[in-house]
C-alpha cells in the first residue's frame, strides 16, 4: 500500500463507482479492483459491502479506512508543499548566526547590505551562545556562522577571518582606572596578567568564547580569581559599573570600532604576547564554502570592514 494506491481507492469511494473512477484515472477497472483487494488483504478488512451490486457502499471498516486515508493524503500534500517551500527558501535564503554581542553590534548593517547589494537573497539571522550556534551549523539549522571558537569539528569548514583580542571593561573600583586616566596615547591601554592579579571578574557562562578564553588564561597563568557568572551581556556591564568585577570579553576590529563610539574610558586590552590566540571564523558545513551563498556572506563581511583584505 502506497500513496498512489490510497489516492486511487479514495477516487473510487468519492466517484461512487469503479467504472467512473477508472475513467477519471485513465486506468482499467481490473487494475482498480486489484488495488482494492490488495488493501483488504493487507489490513484484513472488507472495504465495500458487495451485496449492493455496483453501488459503492462502505463497510464500517471501510469508513475508518477512508477517514484514515484522507488524513494521510492531507499530511502528504502538506509535506510536499513544505518541501517545495523549503527548496525555494534554501535557494534564496541564507541562515546566518553569530554570538549575541556581535549580532547586536552589526546585524542591522548586514541586513542593510543585503537589501542594497544582494536583494535576491534573504538573510535570516540568529544570535546566541557560540557553542549552541556551532552545533546549529553541524545540525544544519544554520548555513553559516561567524564565531570565535576554540573547539573544532571534522564535519565543518573553518575560515579564519579576524584575530581576536581579550579586553576588560573595568570595574568601577578597579585600580587600573587610574592608569587609564594617565594614558594619553590615544590607544586602548595595554595591561599584563600581573596587572590583573587583584581584580575580581564578571564572566559569561561556560560554552561561550569569552568564557573559554578566561578559563584558558586562568589555566596558563595559574590564576584563581574571584568571579561571578552572568549570561546577559548588559548585566555583566552593569555589574562592572556597580563594582562587582571587571567584565572580560573578546573583540575583533568591528567590535572595537563600536566600543570607540561608546567611549573607551573603561576598557583595557591584554598584551598580545600574553593573550590566548583566538580567531573569529566563518563556519559552514564542508562543501558549502563553494556555494554562491557563502561567497555573498564573505563579500558582505569584507565590505563591512570585518574581514581580512
Protein backbone atom coordinates (compact mmCIF):
# COMPACT_ATOMS: atom_id res chain seq x y z
CA UNK A 1 0.00 0.00 0.00
CA UNK A 2 1.42 3.36 -1.04
CA UNK A 3 0.24 6.95 -1.50
CA UNK A 4 -0.77 6.34 -5.11
CA UNK A 5 -2.90 3.34 -4.08
CA UNK A 6 -4.63 5.41 -1.39
CA UNK A 7 -5.40 8.14 -3.90
CA UNK A 8 -6.93 5.64 -6.31
CA UNK A 9 -9.07 3.96 -3.64
CA UNK A 10 -10.30 7.36 -2.47
CA UNK A 11 -11.20 8.25 -6.04
CA UNK A 12 -13.29 5.08 -6.24
CA UNK A 13 -15.06 5.98 -2.98
CA UNK A 14 -15.66 9.62 -3.97
CA UNK A 15 -16.74 8.77 -7.55
CA UNK A 16 -19.32 6.29 -6.32
CA UNK A 17 -18.30 3.51 -8.69
CA UNK A 18 -15.26 1.71 -10.03
CA UNK A 19 -16.32 2.49 -13.62
CA UNK A 20 -16.37 6.26 -13.04
CA UNK A 21 -13.09 6.14 -11.09
CA UNK A 22 -11.40 4.14 -13.88
CA UNK A 23 -12.47 6.72 -16.46
CA UNK A 24 -11.28 9.58 -14.27
CA UNK A 25 -7.90 7.96 -13.54
CA UNK A 26 -7.38 6.57 -17.06
CA UNK A 27 -6.80 3.05 -15.72
CA UNK A 28 -8.64 -0.20 -16.23
CA UNK A 29 -11.35 -1.45 -13.89
CA UNK A 30 -9.44 -4.70 -13.15
CA UNK A 31 -6.39 -2.64 -12.11
CA UNK A 32 -8.51 -0.72 -9.58
CA UNK A 33 -10.09 -3.94 -8.33
CA UNK A 34 -6.63 -5.41 -7.73
CA UNK A 35 -5.59 -2.34 -5.67
CA UNK A 36 -8.75 -2.65 -3.55
CA UNK A 37 -8.16 -6.37 -2.93
CA UNK A 38 -4.53 -5.65 -2.05
CA UNK A 39 -5.61 -3.14 0.62
CA UNK A 40 -8.21 -5.52 2.02
CA UNK A 41 -5.67 -8.35 2.23
CA UNK A 42 -3.03 -6.13 3.80
CA UNK A 43 -5.32 -4.85 6.56
CA UNK A 44 -7.52 -8.00 6.73
CA UNK A 45 -10.71 -5.98 6.27
CA UNK A 46 -13.56 -5.61 3.78
CA UNK A 47 -13.85 -2.09 2.38
CA UNK A 48 -17.11 -2.35 0.45
CA UNK A 49 -20.47 -4.05 1.00
CA UNK A 50 -20.56 -6.13 -2.16
CA UNK A 51 -24.22 -7.16 -1.65
CA UNK A 52 -25.22 -3.78 -3.03
CA UNK A 53 -24.28 -4.61 -6.61
CA UNK A 54 -22.30 -1.96 -8.46
CA UNK A 55 -23.21 0.71 -5.92
CA UNK A 56 -20.28 1.72 -3.67
CA UNK A 57 -21.24 1.26 -0.03
CA UNK A 58 -18.52 1.36 2.61
CA UNK A 59 -18.43 -1.11 5.46
CA UNK A 60 -17.66 0.09 8.98
CA UNK A 61 -14.01 -0.82 8.40
CA UNK A 62 -14.21 0.92 5.05
CA UNK A 63 -15.42 4.13 6.72
CA UNK A 64 -12.45 4.02 9.10
CA UNK A 65 -10.08 3.30 6.21
CA UNK A 66 -11.47 6.24 4.22
CA UNK A 67 -11.06 8.59 7.18
CA UNK A 68 -7.50 7.39 7.76
CA UNK A 69 -6.56 7.68 4.08
CA UNK A 70 -7.86 11.26 3.84
CA UNK A 71 -5.73 12.25 6.83
CA UNK A 72 -2.66 10.56 5.35
CA UNK A 73 -3.16 12.21 1.97
CA UNK A 74 -3.62 15.60 3.60
CA UNK A 75 -0.40 15.15 5.56
CA UNK A 76 1.35 14.05 2.38
CA UNK A 77 0.13 17.12 0.48
CA UNK A 78 1.29 19.39 3.30
CA UNK A 79 4.66 17.65 3.31
CA UNK A 80 5.08 18.21 -0.43
CA UNK A 81 4.10 21.86 -0.04
CA UNK A 82 6.55 22.43 2.81
CA UNK A 83 9.28 20.65 0.86
CA UNK A 84 8.75 22.92 -2.13
CA UNK A 85 8.72 25.99 0.10
CA UNK A 86 11.92 24.88 1.81
CA UNK A 87 13.60 24.20 -1.52
CA UNK A 88 12.65 27.66 -2.69
CA UNK A 89 13.77 29.17 0.61
CA UNK A 90 17.06 27.26 0.56
CA UNK A 91 17.89 28.65 -2.87
CA UNK A 92 17.34 32.26 -1.84
CA UNK A 93 17.72 32.27 1.94
CA UNK A 94 20.91 32.24 3.98
CA UNK A 95 20.62 31.15 7.60
CA UNK A 96 23.33 33.06 9.43
CA UNK A 97 24.30 33.00 13.10
CA UNK A 98 26.68 34.90 15.32
CA UNK A 99 27.20 35.46 19.03
CA UNK A 100 24.70 37.75 20.74
CA UNK A 101 27.19 40.57 21.28
CA UNK A 102 28.17 40.65 17.59
CA UNK A 103 24.54 40.33 16.50
CA UNK A 104 23.69 43.49 18.43
CA UNK A 105 26.69 45.39 17.07
CA UNK A 106 26.34 44.85 13.33
CA UNK A 107 23.43 42.61 12.33
CA UNK A 108 21.35 45.57 11.17
CA UNK A 109 24.24 46.68 8.95
CA UNK A 110 24.39 43.23 7.37
CA UNK A 111 20.67 43.29 6.65
CA UNK A 112 21.02 46.74 5.06
CA UNK A 113 23.94 45.50 2.97
CA UNK A 114 21.89 42.58 1.64
CA UNK A 115 18.98 44.86 0.82
CA UNK A 116 21.26 47.19 -1.15
CA UNK A 117 23.65 44.70 -2.76
CA UNK A 118 22.05 41.26 -2.90
CA UNK A 119 18.27 41.76 -2.84
CA UNK A 120 17.59 38.32 -4.33
CA UNK A 121 18.84 36.75 -1.09
CA UNK A 122 17.02 36.78 2.19
CA UNK A 123 19.27 36.82 5.24
CA UNK A 124 17.75 35.09 8.27
CA UNK A 125 19.80 35.79 11.37
CA UNK A 126 20.17 34.20 14.77
CA UNK A 127 22.13 35.36 17.80
CA UNK A 128 23.08 33.17 20.72
CA UNK A 129 25.84 31.32 22.51
CA UNK A 130 28.84 30.38 20.40
CA UNK A 131 28.72 26.68 21.30
CA UNK A 132 25.00 26.41 20.52
CA UNK A 133 25.35 28.16 17.16
CA UNK A 134 28.33 25.95 16.39
CA UNK A 135 26.10 22.90 16.90
CA UNK A 136 23.37 24.51 14.80
CA UNK A 137 25.75 24.51 11.81
CA UNK A 138 26.57 20.82 12.39
CA UNK A 139 22.84 20.02 12.67
CA UNK A 140 22.01 22.04 9.52
CA UNK A 141 19.93 24.58 11.40
CA UNK A 142 22.31 27.29 10.14
CA UNK A 143 24.09 27.60 6.82
CA UNK A 144 26.90 29.83 8.06
CA UNK A 145 28.05 31.14 11.42
CA UNK A 146 30.55 33.87 12.29
CA UNK A 147 32.04 32.79 15.59
CA UNK A 148 35.02 32.87 17.87
CA UNK A 149 35.52 29.18 18.66
CA UNK A 150 38.22 27.15 20.38
CA UNK A 151 36.89 23.68 19.54
CA UNK A 152 36.56 22.26 16.05
CA UNK A 153 34.53 19.62 14.20
CA UNK A 154 35.75 17.49 11.30
CA UNK A 155 32.35 17.97 9.68
CA UNK A 156 32.81 21.71 9.23
CA UNK A 157 34.85 24.15 7.19
CA UNK A 158 36.57 26.97 9.14
CA UNK A 159 37.90 30.12 7.52
CA UNK A 160 39.93 32.50 9.66
CA UNK A 161 38.50 35.98 9.34
CA UNK A 162 39.95 38.12 12.12
CA UNK A 163 42.24 37.80 15.08
CA UNK A 164 40.51 38.39 18.38
CA UNK A 165 41.87 40.28 21.37
CA UNK A 166 40.95 39.98 25.04
CA UNK A 167 39.51 43.16 26.55
CA UNK A 168 38.36 44.03 30.04
CA UNK A 169 35.62 46.50 30.81
CA UNK A 170 36.90 47.60 34.18
CA UNK A 171 35.02 47.51 37.42
CA UNK A 172 34.19 50.95 38.83
CA UNK A 173 36.56 50.31 41.72
CA UNK A 174 39.43 48.83 39.69
CA UNK A 175 42.85 50.39 40.44
CA UNK A 176 43.58 50.23 36.71
CA UNK A 177 41.18 53.13 36.11
CA UNK A 178 43.89 55.46 37.40
CA UNK A 179 46.27 54.15 34.76
CA UNK A 180 43.68 54.82 32.08
CA UNK A 181 43.43 58.46 33.24
CA UNK A 182 47.18 58.79 32.79
CA UNK A 183 47.10 57.18 29.35
CA UNK A 184 47.31 59.92 26.72
CA UNK A 185 48.44 57.73 23.83
CA UNK A 186 45.03 57.69 22.18
CA UNK A 187 45.16 53.89 22.19
CA UNK A 188 43.45 51.43 24.50
CA UNK A 189 45.68 50.84 27.49
CA UNK A 190 47.57 47.55 27.31
CA UNK A 191 47.81 45.57 30.52
CA UNK A 192 49.66 42.45 31.64
CA UNK A 193 48.42 39.45 33.56
CA UNK A 194 50.33 40.78 36.57
CA UNK A 195 48.23 43.96 36.45
CA UNK A 196 45.07 41.87 36.82
CA UNK A 197 46.10 39.78 39.81
CA UNK A 198 43.91 41.68 42.29
CA UNK A 199 40.89 42.03 40.01
CA UNK A 200 37.55 40.34 40.52
CA UNK A 201 35.76 39.38 37.32
CA UNK A 202 32.31 39.10 35.77
CA UNK A 203 32.26 36.32 33.18
CA UNK A 204 29.87 34.66 30.79
CA UNK A 205 28.54 31.12 31.21
CA UNK A 206 30.62 28.14 30.12
CA UNK A 207 30.39 27.32 26.43
CA UNK A 208 30.90 30.89 25.25
CA UNK A 209 34.04 32.16 23.54
CA UNK A 210 34.94 34.76 26.18
CA UNK A 211 34.49 32.21 28.97
CA UNK A 212 36.74 29.72 27.16
CA UNK A 213 39.44 32.39 26.89
CA UNK A 214 39.03 33.30 30.58
CA UNK A 215 39.40 29.65 31.61
CA UNK A 216 42.46 29.21 29.39
CA UNK A 217 44.10 32.32 30.86
CA UNK A 218 43.48 31.04 34.38
CA UNK A 219 44.97 27.67 33.47
CA UNK A 220 48.00 29.07 31.64
CA UNK A 221 48.95 31.57 34.33
CA UNK A 222 47.81 29.56 37.37
CA UNK A 223 45.22 32.17 38.32
CA UNK A 224 42.49 31.54 40.85
CA UNK A 225 40.47 34.75 40.72
CA UNK A 226 37.14 35.56 42.31
CA UNK A 227 34.49 35.76 39.62
CA UNK A 228 30.72 36.00 39.14
CA UNK A 229 28.87 34.33 36.24
CA UNK A 230 26.26 36.32 34.34
CA UNK A 231 24.78 35.30 30.99
CA UNK A 232 23.36 38.68 29.93
CA UNK A 233 26.00 41.00 28.45
CA UNK A 234 24.23 44.15 29.63
CA UNK A 235 24.01 42.78 33.15
CA UNK A 236 27.71 41.95 33.05
CA UNK A 237 28.48 45.55 32.17
CA UNK A 238 26.09 46.79 34.87
CA UNK A 239 27.79 44.57 37.46
CA UNK A 240 31.13 46.06 36.44
CA UNK A 241 29.72 49.58 36.80
CA UNK A 242 28.49 48.60 40.27
CA UNK A 243 31.97 47.48 41.30
CA UNK A 244 31.33 43.72 41.38
CA UNK A 245 34.15 42.88 38.98
CA UNK A 246 35.72 43.61 35.60
CA UNK A 247 33.88 42.24 32.61
CA UNK A 248 36.01 40.11 30.25
CA UNK A 249 35.20 39.98 26.55
CA UNK A 250 36.86 39.06 23.27
CA UNK A 251 36.65 41.56 20.45
CA UNK A 252 37.52 41.95 16.79
CA UNK A 253 38.01 45.10 14.75
CA UNK A 254 34.34 45.96 14.25
CA UNK A 255 33.66 45.40 17.94
CA UNK A 256 36.48 47.80 18.84
CA UNK A 257 35.06 50.44 16.49
CA UNK A 258 31.73 50.07 18.28
CA UNK A 259 33.48 50.39 21.65
CA UNK A 260 35.17 53.57 20.48
CA UNK A 261 31.83 55.11 19.58
CA UNK A 262 30.67 54.50 23.13
CA UNK A 263 33.92 55.67 24.65
CA UNK A 264 36.95 53.62 25.68
CA UNK A 265 37.42 55.13 29.14
CA UNK A 266 36.68 51.83 30.93
CA UNK A 267 38.46 49.41 28.59
CA UNK A 268 41.91 47.84 28.73
CA UNK A 269 43.35 45.19 26.42
CA UNK A 270 45.59 42.30 27.38
CA UNK A 271 49.10 42.48 25.98
CA UNK A 272 49.25 40.50 22.74
CA UNK A 273 52.23 38.42 23.90
CA UNK A 274 50.27 37.18 26.91
CA UNK A 275 46.90 36.79 25.24
CA UNK A 276 45.40 33.48 24.11
CA UNK A 277 45.45 33.32 20.32
CA UNK A 278 41.90 33.11 19.07
CA UNK A 279 40.13 33.86 15.83
CA UNK A 280 36.68 34.61 14.63
CA UNK A 281 35.86 32.11 11.91
CA UNK A 282 33.36 31.89 9.12
CA UNK A 283 31.99 28.38 9.66
CA UNK A 284 29.88 26.17 7.43
CA UNK A 285 29.37 22.53 6.54
CA UNK A 286 32.09 21.17 4.27
CA UNK A 287 31.22 21.91 0.65
CA UNK A 288 29.01 24.91 1.44
CA UNK A 289 32.08 27.18 1.17
CA UNK A 290 31.91 26.66 -2.61
CA UNK A 291 28.36 28.00 -2.92
CA UNK A 292 27.30 31.46 -4.01
CA UNK A 293 25.54 31.97 -0.66
CA UNK A 294 28.82 31.55 1.22
CA UNK A 295 30.63 33.90 -1.16
CA UNK A 296 27.93 36.51 -0.65
CA UNK A 297 28.49 36.36 3.13
CA UNK A 298 32.24 36.77 2.53
CA UNK A 299 31.64 39.88 0.42
CA UNK A 300 29.26 41.30 2.98
CA UNK A 301 31.72 40.91 5.86
CA UNK A 302 34.56 42.31 3.79
CA UNK A 303 32.51 45.35 2.75
CA UNK A 304 31.60 45.97 6.37
CA UNK A 305 35.30 46.01 7.27
CA UNK A 306 35.01 42.83 9.28
CA UNK A 307 37.30 40.58 7.25
CA UNK A 308 40.90 40.43 6.20
CA UNK A 309 41.84 42.19 2.95
